[in-house]
Amino acid sequence: MRIPESKHFQLQRLADGVYAAIASERGYAICNAGIVDTGGRTIVFDTFISPDAAKELLRATKRLTPQNAIRVVNSHYHNDHIRGNQVFPSDVDILSTATTREEIAHKEPEVIKWEKRNIPKAIADAKSKLNLEKDPKRLRDLAFSVVYYKAIMESHPKLRMRLPNITFKGNLMIHGTRREVQLLPLTGHTASDIVLYLPDERIAFMGDLLFVNMHPYLASGSPERWKKSLSKIGKLGLQTLVPGHGPVGQSSDLSLMFQYIQSLETIARNMVKMGMPAKEAHLQPVPQPFDTWMMSEDHFIANLEFLYKEASQKGS
C-alpha cells in the first residue's frame, strides 16, 4: 500500500499497521502523531495544532487501516496536541486522563484569547528577525516559529474546542485482535502525560515526554518527575520511540533527554550560587551536544529561567 503524502507531516511505517506521523517544519502539524491499528479499531495518538493538518491525518488513517472504528488519544493538554480533535466525527471517542481533560477545559479558552492578542505581533517580530539573521541554525528556528504562529492564527476562525469524552486515571489496556496497546499515565512535561506503549513491538509514542534533536519545554511541569518518568520508560526495553517533536528515536534518546534536564539544572544552580540574575540566562552557552538542537534560543532560555526560579526557591 502506498503511504499517503501530506505537506503537514511525513508518515513513517514502524510495524505492520503502526505509523508515526512526523511533523514537517513547513507544515501545520507542529507536533508528531501516531496511527495504530489494534484490530477492530484504530487509535490516533494526538491530533496536531491545526484542524487542516488533522483532516489530512484522518484521511491518512482511513487509507492506511481497514478499521472504520477510530479512537483518539490526547497525550496531554497543550494546544499543538489537541486542536485537531474537532475534525474527527462525533461518534469517535477521545480518550485522555481526567487531569488532561480538566486542563484543556480550563486553559484552552484563556490560551486562545492570549493568542488572538499576541500572535500577530509575534509573527511580525519573527519575520523582522528572519530578514536580518545570518546564522543558518537561527534562520531555521525563526522560520519554524513563523510557521507555528501562522498555523495558530489561520486556525482561529474555524477553531472549536472538543474535549475528551472518556477519561481514566490508572494504566489502560486495550486488547485488539491484532495487538495489545497500553496507555501509561505519567508526569513531567505536564501534570499528566500519556505514553502509548506497544509491548510486542517494543514501540512507544511518547508525547512530549521525549523530544529528539529539539529543545523541550520544561516550564509546564516538573523536571524531577520528568526524570523519574524517563527512568521508568527506560526499563521497558524499547527499541523505537516516537517523540512529541523531532524524528523517530531510540532508547538512547531517553538518556539524552535525562541528561538535558540535569545539565540545565546544573547551570541554573551555578547561576544562583554565583549571584547571577535570571535575566542573564541568555548569556549562558548551550552545552554540547544540545547546541545543535532546534529552538535553542527560545526554549533553552525559557527552560533556564524556569530552573533558575526553582533553584532559588530551594535555596541553591
C-alpha atoms as a PDB file:
ATOM      1  CA  MET A   1       0.000   0.000   0.000  1.00  0.00           C
ATOM      2  CA  ARG A   2       1.286   3.419  -0.945  1.00  0.00           C
ATOM      3  CA  ILE A   3       1.767   5.664   2.076  1.00  0.00           C
ATOM      4  CA  PRO A   4      -0.271   8.888   1.777  1.00  0.00           C
ATOM      5  CA  GLU A   5       1.608  12.156   1.453  1.00  0.00           C
ATOM      6  CA  SER A   6       0.929  15.475   3.173  1.00  0.00           C
ATOM      7  CA  LYS A   7       2.608  18.878   3.287  1.00  0.00           C
ATOM      8  CA  HIS A   8       1.961  18.897   7.025  1.00  0.00           C
ATOM      9  CA  PHE A   9       3.645  15.610   8.020  1.00  0.00           C
ATOM     10  CA  GLN A  10       5.513  12.562   6.769  1.00  0.00           C
ATOM     11  CA  LEU A  11       4.238   9.104   7.577  1.00  0.00           C
ATOM     12  CA  GLN A  12       6.787   6.530   8.690  1.00  0.00           C
ATOM     13  CA  ARG A  13       5.855   2.845   8.941  1.00  0.00           C
ATOM     14  CA  LEU A  14       7.171   1.393  12.226  1.00  0.00           C
ATOM     15  CA  ALA A  15       5.489  -2.022  12.060  1.00  0.00           C
ATOM     16  CA  ASP A  16       2.586  -3.633  10.244  1.00  0.00           C
ATOM     17  CA  GLY A  17      -0.352  -1.314  10.970  1.00  0.00           C
ATOM     18  CA  VAL A  18       1.728   1.124  13.050  1.00  0.00           C
ATOM     19  CA  TYR A  19       2.727   4.543  11.694  1.00  0.00           C
ATOM     20  CA  ALA A  20       4.361   7.692  13.013  1.00  0.00           C
ATOM     21  CA  ALA A  21       3.185  10.992  11.548  1.00  0.00           C
ATOM     22  CA  ILE A  22       6.247  13.225  11.847  1.00  0.00           C
ATOM     23  CA  ALA A  23       5.550  16.944  11.614  1.00  0.00           C
ATOM     24  CA  SER A  24       7.100  18.836   8.701  1.00  0.00           C
ATOM     25  CA  GLU A  25       8.974  22.024   9.575  1.00  0.00           C
ATOM     26  CA  ARG A  26       6.971  23.939   6.964  1.00  0.00           C
ATOM     27  CA  GLY A  27       3.620  22.307   7.695  1.00  0.00           C
ATOM     28  CA  TYR A  28       0.854  22.985  10.203  1.00  0.00           C
ATOM     29  CA  ALA A  29       1.014  19.764  12.219  1.00  0.00           C
ATOM     30  CA  ILE A  30       3.684  21.172  14.620  1.00  0.00           C
ATOM     31  CA  CYS A  31       3.715  18.045  16.828  1.00  0.00           C
ATOM     32  CA  ASN A  32       4.029  14.379  15.899  1.00  0.00           C
ATOM     33  CA  ALA A  33       1.120  11.918  15.920  1.00  0.00           C
ATOM     34  CA  GLY A  34       0.594   8.182  15.641  1.00  0.00           C
ATOM     35  CA  ILE A  35      -1.712   5.714  13.883  1.00  0.00           C
ATOM     36  CA  VAL A  36      -2.067   2.244  15.415  1.00  0.00           C
ATOM     37  CA  ASP A  37      -4.319  -0.491  14.027  1.00  0.00           C
ATOM     38  CA  THR A  38      -5.237  -2.643  17.036  1.00  0.00           C
ATOM     39  CA  GLY A  39      -7.556  -4.921  15.094  1.00  0.00           C
ATOM     40  CA  GLY A  40     -11.185  -3.931  15.346  1.00  0.00           C
ATOM     41  CA  ARG A  41     -10.285  -0.291  15.998  1.00  0.00           C
ATOM     42  CA  THR A  42      -7.593   2.175  15.036  1.00  0.00           C
ATOM     43  CA  ILE A  43      -6.032   4.531  17.568  1.00  0.00           C
ATOM     44  CA  VAL A  44      -4.899   8.012  16.558  1.00  0.00           C
ATOM     45  CA  PHE A  45      -2.424   9.385  19.088  1.00  0.00           C
ATOM     46  CA  ASP A  46      -2.604  13.209  19.216  1.00  0.00           C
ATOM     47  CA  THR A  47      -4.253  15.383  16.579  1.00  0.00           C
ATOM     48  CA  PHE A  48      -1.946  18.333  15.777  1.00  0.00           C
ATOM     49  CA  ILE A  49      -2.460  22.059  16.310  1.00  0.00           C
ATOM     50  CA  SER A  50      -4.262  22.801  13.048  1.00  0.00           C
ATOM     51  CA  PRO A  51      -7.600  21.328  12.002  1.00  0.00           C
ATOM     52  CA  ASP A  52      -6.340  21.460   8.400  1.00  0.00           C
ATOM     53  CA  ALA A  53      -3.442  19.152   9.263  1.00  0.00           C
ATOM     54  CA  ALA A  54      -5.769  16.936  11.337  1.00  0.00           C
ATOM     55  CA  LYS A  55      -8.099  16.472   8.350  1.00  0.00           C
ATOM     56  CA  GLU A  56      -5.199  15.002   6.399  1.00  0.00           C
ATOM     57  CA  LEU A  57      -4.286  12.811   9.382  1.00  0.00           C
ATOM     58  CA  LEU A  58      -7.848  11.459   9.427  1.00  0.00           C
ATOM     59  CA  ARG A  59      -7.765  10.814   5.669  1.00  0.00           C
ATOM     60  CA  ALA A  60      -4.430   9.008   6.013  1.00  0.00           C
ATOM     61  CA  THR A  61      -5.799   6.911   8.877  1.00  0.00           C
ATOM     62  CA  LYS A  62      -8.736   5.745   6.774  1.00  0.00           C
ATOM     63  CA  ARG A  63      -6.453   4.860   3.862  1.00  0.00           C
ATOM     64  CA  LEU A  64      -3.849   3.010   5.937  1.00  0.00           C
ATOM     65  CA  THR A  65      -6.109   0.931   8.167  1.00  0.00           C
ATOM     66  CA  PRO A  66      -9.202  -1.110   7.289  1.00  0.00           C
ATOM     67  CA  GLN A  67     -10.986  -0.215  10.515  1.00  0.00           C
ATOM     68  CA  ASN A  68     -13.961   2.103  10.384  1.00  0.00           C
ATOM     69  CA  ALA A  69     -13.940   2.473  14.172  1.00  0.00           C
ATOM     70  CA  ILE A  70     -11.405   5.035  15.422  1.00  0.00           C
ATOM     71  CA  ARG A  71     -10.360   6.173  18.878  1.00  0.00           C
ATOM     72  CA  VAL A  72      -8.302   9.302  19.564  1.00  0.00           C
ATOM     73  CA  VAL A  73      -5.878   9.663  22.474  1.00  0.00           C
ATOM     74  CA  ASN A  74      -4.702  13.079  23.686  1.00  0.00           C
ATOM     75  CA  SER A  75      -1.286  12.725  25.327  1.00  0.00           C
ATOM     76  CA  HIS A  76      -1.587  15.995  27.293  1.00  0.00           C
ATOM     77  CA  TYR A  77      -3.370  19.339  27.209  1.00  0.00           C
ATOM     78  CA  HIS A  78      -1.040  21.546  25.117  1.00  0.00           C
ATOM     79  CA  ASN A  79      -2.664  23.144  22.076  1.00  0.00           C
ATOM     80  CA  ASP A  80      -0.402  21.529  19.486  1.00  0.00           C
ATOM     81  CA  HIS A  81      -1.612  18.053  20.508  1.00  0.00           C
ATOM     82  CA  ILE A  82      -5.363  18.545  20.848  1.00  0.00           C
ATOM     83  CA  ARG A  83      -6.810  21.151  18.474  1.00  0.00           C
ATOM     84  CA  GLY A  84      -7.302  18.668  15.674  1.00  0.00           C
ATOM     85  CA  ASN A  85      -9.835  16.808  17.856  1.00  0.00           C
ATOM     86  CA  GLN A  86     -12.654  18.742  16.210  1.00  0.00           C
ATOM     87  CA  VAL A  87     -12.243  17.146  12.773  1.00  0.00           C
ATOM     88  CA  PHE A  88     -12.991  13.624  13.982  1.00  0.00           C
ATOM     89  CA  PRO A  89     -16.642  12.502  13.651  1.00  0.00           C
ATOM     90  CA  SER A  90     -18.858  12.855  16.700  1.00  0.00           C
ATOM     91  CA  ASP A  91     -19.013   9.071  17.179  1.00  0.00           C
ATOM     92  CA  VAL A  92     -15.220   8.904  17.616  1.00  0.00           C
ATOM     93  CA  ASP A  93     -14.298   8.618  21.285  1.00  0.00           C
ATOM     94  CA  ILE A  94     -11.476  10.845  22.532  1.00  0.00           C
ATOM     95  CA  LEU A  95      -9.519   9.485  25.482  1.00  0.00           C
ATOM     96  CA  SER A  96      -7.289  11.270  27.971  1.00  0.00           C
ATOM     97  CA  THR A  97      -6.540  11.300  31.648  1.00  0.00           C
ATOM     98  CA  ALA A  98      -9.079  13.100  33.812  1.00  0.00           C
ATOM     99  CA  THR A  99      -6.437  15.744  34.568  1.00  0.00           C
ATOM    100  CA  THR A 100      -5.767  16.419  30.890  1.00  0.00           C
ATOM    101  CA  ARG A 101      -9.467  16.911  30.189  1.00  0.00           C
ATOM    102  CA  GLU A 102      -9.712  19.395  33.060  1.00  0.00           C
ATOM    103  CA  GLU A 103      -6.615  21.246  31.835  1.00  0.00           C
ATOM    104  CA  ILE A 104      -7.987  21.553  28.294  1.00  0.00           C
ATOM    105  CA  ALA A 105     -11.361  22.790  29.566  1.00  0.00           C
ATOM    106  CA  HIS A 106      -9.856  25.407  31.873  1.00  0.00           C
ATOM    107  CA  LYS A 107      -6.779  26.576  29.965  1.00  0.00           C
ATOM    108  CA  GLU A 108      -7.668  26.461  26.272  1.00  0.00           C
ATOM    109  CA  PRO A 109     -10.117  29.399  26.333  1.00  0.00           C
ATOM    110  CA  GLU A 110      -7.550  31.650  28.009  1.00  0.00           C
ATOM    111  CA  VAL A 111      -4.748  30.452  25.728  1.00  0.00           C
ATOM    112  CA  ILE A 112      -6.844  31.245  22.654  1.00  0.00           C
ATOM    113  CA  LYS A 113      -7.605  34.747  23.984  1.00  0.00           C
ATOM    114  CA  TRP A 114      -3.894  35.329  24.582  1.00  0.00           C
ATOM    115  CA  GLU A 115      -3.027  34.096  21.096  1.00  0.00           C
ATOM    116  CA  LYS A 116      -5.510  36.417  19.401  1.00  0.00           C
ATOM    117  CA  ARG A 117      -3.968  39.372  21.213  1.00  0.00           C
ATOM    118  CA  ASN A 118      -0.320  38.453  20.747  1.00  0.00           C
ATOM    119  CA  ILE A 119       0.242  36.163  17.751  1.00  0.00           C
ATOM    120  CA  PRO A 120       0.067  38.891  15.040  1.00  0.00           C
ATOM    121  CA  LYS A 121       2.900  40.802  16.743  1.00  0.00           C
ATOM    122  CA  ALA A 122       4.857  37.574  17.281  1.00  0.00           C
ATOM    123  CA  ILE A 123       4.686  36.844  13.549  1.00  0.00           C
ATOM    124  CA  ALA A 124       5.830  40.368  12.673  1.00  0.00           C
ATOM    125  CA  ASP A 125       8.724  40.196  15.145  1.00  0.00           C
ATOM    126  CA  ALA A 126       9.859  36.779  13.913  1.00  0.00           C
ATOM    127  CA  LYS A 127       9.736  37.895  10.275  1.00  0.00           C
ATOM    128  CA  SER A 128      11.719  41.032  11.128  1.00  0.00           C
ATOM    129  CA  LYS A 129      14.419  38.962  12.823  1.00  0.00           C
ATOM    130  CA  LEU A 130      14.365  36.478   9.948  1.00  0.00           C
ATOM    131  CA  ASN A 131      15.206  39.234   7.467  1.00  0.00           C
ATOM    132  CA  LEU A 132      18.268  40.269   9.475  1.00  0.00           C
ATOM    133  CA  GLU A 133      19.539  36.877  10.647  1.00  0.00           C
ATOM    134  CA  LYS A 134      22.641  35.335   9.051  1.00  0.00           C
ATOM    135  CA  ASP A 135      23.213  32.262  11.209  1.00  0.00           C
ATOM    136  CA  PRO A 136      21.797  29.155   9.408  1.00  0.00           C
ATOM    137  CA  LYS A 137      20.626  27.453  12.602  1.00  0.00           C
ATOM    138  CA  ARG A 138      18.893  30.569  13.903  1.00  0.00           C
ATOM    139  CA  LEU A 139      17.314  31.095  10.479  1.00  0.00           C
ATOM    140  CA  ARG A 140      15.836  27.610  10.711  1.00  0.00           C
ATOM    141  CA  ASP A 141      14.477  28.278  14.209  1.00  0.00           C
ATOM    142  CA  LEU A 142      12.908  31.575  13.174  1.00  0.00           C
ATOM    143  CA  ALA A 143      11.350  30.081  10.038  1.00  0.00           C
ATOM    144  CA  PHE A 144       9.790  27.357  12.166  1.00  0.00           C
ATOM    145  CA  SER A 145       8.474  29.957  14.615  1.00  0.00           C
ATOM    146  CA  VAL A 146       6.748  31.830  11.784  1.00  0.00           C
ATOM    147  CA  VAL A 147       5.087  28.603  10.590  1.00  0.00           C
ATOM    148  CA  TYR A 148       3.987  27.793  14.155  1.00  0.00           C
ATOM    149  CA  TYR A 149       2.427  31.211  14.659  1.00  0.00           C
ATOM    150  CA  LYS A 150       0.723  31.137  11.258  1.00  0.00           C
ATOM    151  CA  ALA A 151      -0.718  27.682  11.958  1.00  0.00           C
ATOM    152  CA  ILE A 152      -2.288  29.082  15.110  1.00  0.00           C
ATOM    153  CA  MET A 153      -3.558  32.323  13.602  1.00  0.00           C
ATOM    154  CA  GLU A 154      -5.086  30.756  10.495  1.00  0.00           C
ATOM    155  CA  SER A 155      -6.916  28.140  12.562  1.00  0.00           C
ATOM    156  CA  HIS A 156      -8.637  30.630  14.893  1.00  0.00           C
ATOM    157  CA  PRO A 157     -11.697  31.453  12.699  1.00  0.00           C
ATOM    158  CA  LYS A 158     -12.677  27.769  12.496  1.00  0.00           C
ATOM    159  CA  LEU A 159     -11.457  26.580  15.882  1.00  0.00           C
ATOM    160  CA  ARG A 160     -13.876  24.685  18.130  1.00  0.00           C
ATOM    161  CA  MET A 161     -12.760  23.138  21.397  1.00  0.00           C
ATOM    162  CA  ARG A 162     -13.605  19.432  21.609  1.00  0.00           C
ATOM    163  CA  LEU A 163     -12.951  17.798  24.944  1.00  0.00           C
ATOM    164  CA  PRO A 164     -12.111  14.136  25.546  1.00  0.00           C
ATOM    165  CA  ASN A 165     -15.278  12.201  26.408  1.00  0.00           C
ATOM    166  CA  ILE A 166     -13.600   9.211  28.074  1.00  0.00           C
ATOM    167  CA  THR A 167     -11.115   9.729  30.914  1.00  0.00           C
ATOM    168  CA  PHE A 168      -9.084   7.410  33.106  1.00  0.00           C
ATOM    169  CA  LYS A 169      -6.538   7.549  35.915  1.00  0.00           C
ATOM    170  CA  GLY A 170      -4.519   4.316  36.001  1.00  0.00           C
ATOM    171  CA  ASN A 171      -2.984   2.225  33.223  1.00  0.00           C
ATOM    172  CA  LEU A 172      -5.475   1.473  30.463  1.00  0.00           C
ATOM    173  CA  MET A 173      -5.140  -1.755  28.470  1.00  0.00           C
ATOM    174  CA  ILE A 174      -6.693  -2.054  25.012  1.00  0.00           C
ATOM    175  CA  HIS A 175      -6.848  -5.616  23.686  1.00  0.00           C
ATOM    176  CA  GLY A 176      -7.390  -5.684  19.947  1.00  0.00           C
ATOM    177  CA  THR A 177      -7.489  -8.731  17.710  1.00  0.00           C
ATOM    178  CA  ARG A 178      -4.194  -7.623  16.205  1.00  0.00           C
ATOM    179  CA  ARG A 179      -2.207  -6.251  19.143  1.00  0.00           C
ATOM    180  CA  GLU A 180      -2.270  -5.051  22.719  1.00  0.00           C
ATOM    181  CA  VAL A 181      -1.915  -1.362  23.464  1.00  0.00           C
ATOM    182  CA  GLN A 182      -1.127   0.091  26.878  1.00  0.00           C
ATOM    183  CA  LEU A 183      -1.808   3.711  27.797  1.00  0.00           C
ATOM    184  CA  LEU A 184       0.575   4.659  30.595  1.00  0.00           C
ATOM    185  CA  PRO A 185      -0.192   7.828  32.575  1.00  0.00           C
ATOM    186  CA  LEU A 186       2.982   9.586  33.728  1.00  0.00           C
ATOM    187  CA  THR A 187       4.019  13.110  34.703  1.00  0.00           C
ATOM    188  CA  GLY A 188       6.834  15.523  33.971  1.00  0.00           C
ATOM    189  CA  HIS A 189       6.203  17.589  30.887  1.00  0.00           C
ATOM    190  CA  THR A 190       2.839  18.474  32.402  1.00  0.00           C
ATOM    191  CA  ALA A 191       0.899  17.304  35.445  1.00  0.00           C
ATOM    192  CA  SER A 192      -0.472  14.465  33.310  1.00  0.00           C
ATOM    193  CA  ASP A 193       1.166  12.851  30.277  1.00  0.00           C
ATOM    194  CA  ILE A 194       0.274   9.643  28.430  1.00  0.00           C
ATOM    195  CA  VAL A 195       2.668   7.239  26.740  1.00  0.00           C
ATOM    196  CA  LEU A 196       1.174   4.783  24.243  1.00  0.00           C
ATOM    197  CA  TYR A 197       3.122   1.536  24.553  1.00  0.00           C
ATOM    198  CA  LEU A 198       3.100  -1.470  22.210  1.00  0.00           C
ATOM    199  CA  PRO A 199       4.750  -4.267  24.252  1.00  0.00           C
ATOM    200  CA  ASP A 200       5.024  -6.827  21.451  1.00  0.00           C
ATOM    201  CA  GLU A 201       6.654  -4.386  19.032  1.00  0.00           C
ATOM    202  CA  ARG A 202       8.625  -2.543  21.767  1.00  0.00           C
ATOM    203  CA  ILE A 203       7.411   0.772  20.355  1.00  0.00           C
ATOM    204  CA  ALA A 204       6.253   3.784  22.372  1.00  0.00           C
ATOM    205  CA  PHE A 205       4.576   7.020  21.336  1.00  0.00           C
ATOM    206  CA  MET A 206       5.997   9.339  23.970  1.00  0.00           C
ATOM    207  CA  GLY A 207       4.105  12.601  23.546  1.00  0.00           C
ATOM    208  CA  ASP A 208       6.180  15.491  24.889  1.00  0.00           C
ATOM    209  CA  LEU A 209       7.989  13.425  27.498  1.00  0.00           C
ATOM    210  CA  LEU A 210      10.543  12.994  24.719  1.00  0.00           C
ATOM    211  CA  PHE A 211      11.965  15.468  22.220  1.00  0.00           C
ATOM    212  CA  VAL A 212      14.592  14.376  19.681  1.00  0.00           C
ATOM    213  CA  ASN A 213      17.053  16.944  18.303  1.00  0.00           C
ATOM    214  CA  MET A 214      14.828  19.729  19.629  1.00  0.00           C
ATOM    215  CA  HIS A 215      14.899  21.598  22.929  1.00  0.00           C
ATOM    216  CA  PRO A 216      11.954  20.514  25.101  1.00  0.00           C
ATOM    217  CA  TYR A 217       9.796  22.928  27.055  1.00  0.00           C
ATOM    218  CA  LEU A 218      10.231  22.330  30.788  1.00  0.00           C
ATOM    219  CA  ALA A 219       8.206  25.122  32.367  1.00  0.00           C
ATOM    220  CA  SER A 220       4.768  23.436  32.270  1.00  0.00           C
ATOM    221  CA  GLY A 221       5.764  20.566  34.508  1.00  0.00           C
ATOM    222  CA  SER A 222       8.220  19.093  36.976  1.00  0.00           C
ATOM    223  CA  PRO A 223      11.798  18.281  35.940  1.00  0.00           C
ATOM    224  CA  GLU A 224      12.159  15.822  38.831  1.00  0.00           C
ATOM    225  CA  ARG A 225       9.031  13.920  37.877  1.00  0.00           C
ATOM    226  CA  TRP A 226      10.082  14.077  34.236  1.00  0.00           C
ATOM    227  CA  LYS A 227      13.365  12.355  35.038  1.00  0.00           C
ATOM    228  CA  LYS A 228      11.530   9.679  37.027  1.00  0.00           C
ATOM    229  CA  SER A 229       9.178   9.059  34.093  1.00  0.00           C
ATOM    230  CA  LEU A 230      12.103   8.737  31.686  1.00  0.00           C
ATOM    231  CA  SER A 231      13.748   6.209  34.023  1.00  0.00           C
ATOM    232  CA  LYS A 232      10.510   4.227  34.267  1.00  0.00           C
ATOM    233  CA  ILE A 233      10.072   4.104  30.484  1.00  0.00           C
ATOM    234  CA  GLY A 234      13.732   3.169  30.102  1.00  0.00           C
ATOM    235  CA  LYS A 235      13.081  -0.090  31.963  1.00  0.00           C
ATOM    236  CA  LEU A 236      10.641  -1.298  29.282  1.00  0.00           C
ATOM    237  CA  GLY A 237      13.404  -2.245  26.842  1.00  0.00           C
ATOM    238  CA  LEU A 238      12.019  -0.167  23.989  1.00  0.00           C
ATOM    239  CA  GLN A 239      13.522  -0.177  20.512  1.00  0.00           C
ATOM    240  CA  THR A 240      11.575   2.609  18.806  1.00  0.00           C
ATOM    241  CA  LEU A 241      10.318   5.827  20.389  1.00  0.00           C
ATOM    242  CA  VAL A 242       8.184   8.437  18.680  1.00  0.00           C
ATOM    243  CA  PRO A 243       8.796  11.810  20.342  1.00  0.00           C
ATOM    244  CA  GLY A 244       6.318  14.637  20.569  1.00  0.00           C
ATOM    245  CA  HIS A 245       8.702  16.677  18.415  1.00  0.00           C
ATOM    246  CA  GLY A 246      11.584  15.645  16.193  1.00  0.00           C
ATOM    247  CA  PRO A 247      12.450  12.477  14.256  1.00  0.00           C
ATOM    248  CA  VAL A 248      11.739   8.933  15.420  1.00  0.00           C
ATOM    249  CA  GLY A 249      14.237   7.992  18.119  1.00  0.00           C
ATOM    250  CA  GLN A 250      15.601   5.026  20.016  1.00  0.00           C
ATOM    251  CA  SER A 251      16.207   4.045  23.630  1.00  0.00           C
ATOM    252  CA  SER A 252      19.383   6.146  23.887  1.00  0.00           C
ATOM    253  CA  ASP A 253      17.286   9.291  23.363  1.00  0.00           C
ATOM    254  CA  LEU A 254      15.692   8.727  26.782  1.00  0.00           C
ATOM    255  CA  SER A 255      19.119   9.037  28.407  1.00  0.00           C
ATOM    256  CA  LEU A 256      19.886  12.102  26.335  1.00  0.00           C
ATOM    257  CA  MET A 257      16.661  13.802  27.461  1.00  0.00           C
ATOM    258  CA  PHE A 258      17.500  12.932  31.077  1.00  0.00           C
ATOM    259  CA  GLN A 259      20.970  14.396  30.557  1.00  0.00           C
ATOM    260  CA  TYR A 260      19.480  17.573  29.076  1.00  0.00           C
ATOM    261  CA  ILE A 261      17.365  18.229  32.146  1.00  0.00           C
ATOM    262  CA  GLN A 262      20.253  17.532  34.504  1.00  0.00           C
ATOM    263  CA  SER A 263      22.655  19.743  32.541  1.00  0.00           C
ATOM    264  CA  LEU A 264      20.323  22.727  32.639  1.00  0.00           C
ATOM    265  CA  GLU A 265      19.606  22.166  36.334  1.00  0.00           C
ATOM    266  CA  THR A 266      23.348  22.349  36.998  1.00  0.00           C
ATOM    267  CA  ILE A 267      23.708  25.585  35.019  1.00  0.00           C
ATOM    268  CA  ALA A 268      20.751  27.131  36.871  1.00  0.00           C
ATOM    269  CA  ARG A 269      22.117  26.126  40.294  1.00  0.00           C
ATOM    270  CA  ASN A 270      25.523  27.562  39.444  1.00  0.00           C
ATOM    271  CA  MET A 271      23.931  30.837  38.340  1.00  0.00           C
ATOM    272  CA  VAL A 272      22.131  31.113  41.671  1.00  0.00           C
ATOM    273  CA  LYS A 273      25.283  30.269  43.658  1.00  0.00           C
ATOM    274  CA  MET A 274      27.257  32.914  41.763  1.00  0.00           C
ATOM    275  CA  GLY A 275      24.597  35.542  42.409  1.00  0.00           C
ATOM    276  CA  MET A 276      23.799  35.978  38.734  1.00  0.00           C
ATOM    277  CA  PRO A 277      20.322  37.376  37.925  1.00  0.00           C
ATOM    278  CA  ALA A 278      17.838  35.258  35.988  1.00  0.00           C
ATOM    279  CA  LYS A 279      17.836  37.789  33.144  1.00  0.00           C
ATOM    280  CA  GLU A 280      21.384  36.693  32.285  1.00  0.00           C
ATOM    281  CA  ALA A 281      20.147  33.249  31.237  1.00  0.00           C
ATOM    282  CA  HIS A 282      20.550  34.306  27.600  1.00  0.00           C
ATOM    283  CA  LEU A 283      24.292  34.751  28.213  1.00  0.00           C
ATOM    284  CA  GLN A 284      24.770  31.095  29.087  1.00  0.00           C
ATOM    285  CA  PRO A 285      26.133  28.942  26.257  1.00  0.00           C
ATOM    286  CA  VAL A 286      24.041  25.948  25.243  1.00  0.00           C
ATOM    287  CA  PRO A 287      26.020  22.873  26.378  1.00  0.00           C
ATOM    288  CA  GLN A 288      27.009  20.125  23.974  1.00  0.00           C
ATOM    289  CA  PRO A 289      25.510  18.069  22.435  1.00  0.00           C
ATOM    290  CA  PHE A 290      22.375  20.204  22.738  1.00  0.00           C
ATOM    291  CA  ASP A 291      23.854  23.219  20.939  1.00  0.00           C
ATOM    292  CA  THR A 292      22.843  21.715  17.589  1.00  0.00           C
ATOM    293  CA  TRP A 293      19.210  21.157  18.597  1.00  0.00           C
ATOM    294  CA  MET A 294      16.376  23.269  17.212  1.00  0.00           C
ATOM    295  CA  MET A 295      14.651  26.056  19.205  1.00  0.00           C
ATOM    296  CA  SER A 296      17.699  26.667  21.377  1.00  0.00           C
ATOM    297  CA  GLU A 297      17.240  30.411  21.794  1.00  0.00           C
ATOM    298  CA  ASP A 298      13.541  30.262  22.696  1.00  0.00           C
ATOM    299  CA  HIS A 299      13.235  27.090  24.752  1.00  0.00           C
ATOM    300  CA  PHE A 300      16.737  26.971  26.214  1.00  0.00           C
ATOM    301  CA  ILE A 301      16.410  30.452  27.730  1.00  0.00           C
ATOM    302  CA  ALA A 302      12.861  29.811  28.976  1.00  0.00           C
ATOM    303  CA  ASN A 303      13.943  26.491  30.475  1.00  0.00           C
ATOM    304  CA  LEU A 304      16.940  28.042  32.198  1.00  0.00           C
ATOM    305  CA  GLU A 305      14.860  30.862  33.672  1.00  0.00           C
ATOM    306  CA  PHE A 306      12.333  28.324  34.957  1.00  0.00           C
ATOM    307  CA  LEU A 307      15.037  26.153  36.537  1.00  0.00           C
ATOM    308  CA  TYR A 308      16.720  29.250  37.983  1.00  0.00           C
ATOM    309  CA  LYS A 309      13.487  30.101  39.773  1.00  0.00           C
ATOM    310  CA  GLU A 310      13.202  26.553  41.098  1.00  0.00           C
ATOM    311  CA  ALA A 311      16.822  26.571  42.278  1.00  0.00           C
ATOM    312  CA  SER A 312      16.308  29.920  44.021  1.00  0.00           C
ATOM    313  CA  GLN A 313      13.247  28.625  45.851  1.00  0.00           C
ATOM    314  CA  LYS A 314      15.195  25.581  47.022  1.00  0.00           C
ATOM    315  CA  GLY A 315      17.963  27.813  48.342  1.00  0.00           C
ATOM    316  CA  SER A 316      20.552  26.510  45.932  1.00  0.00           C
END
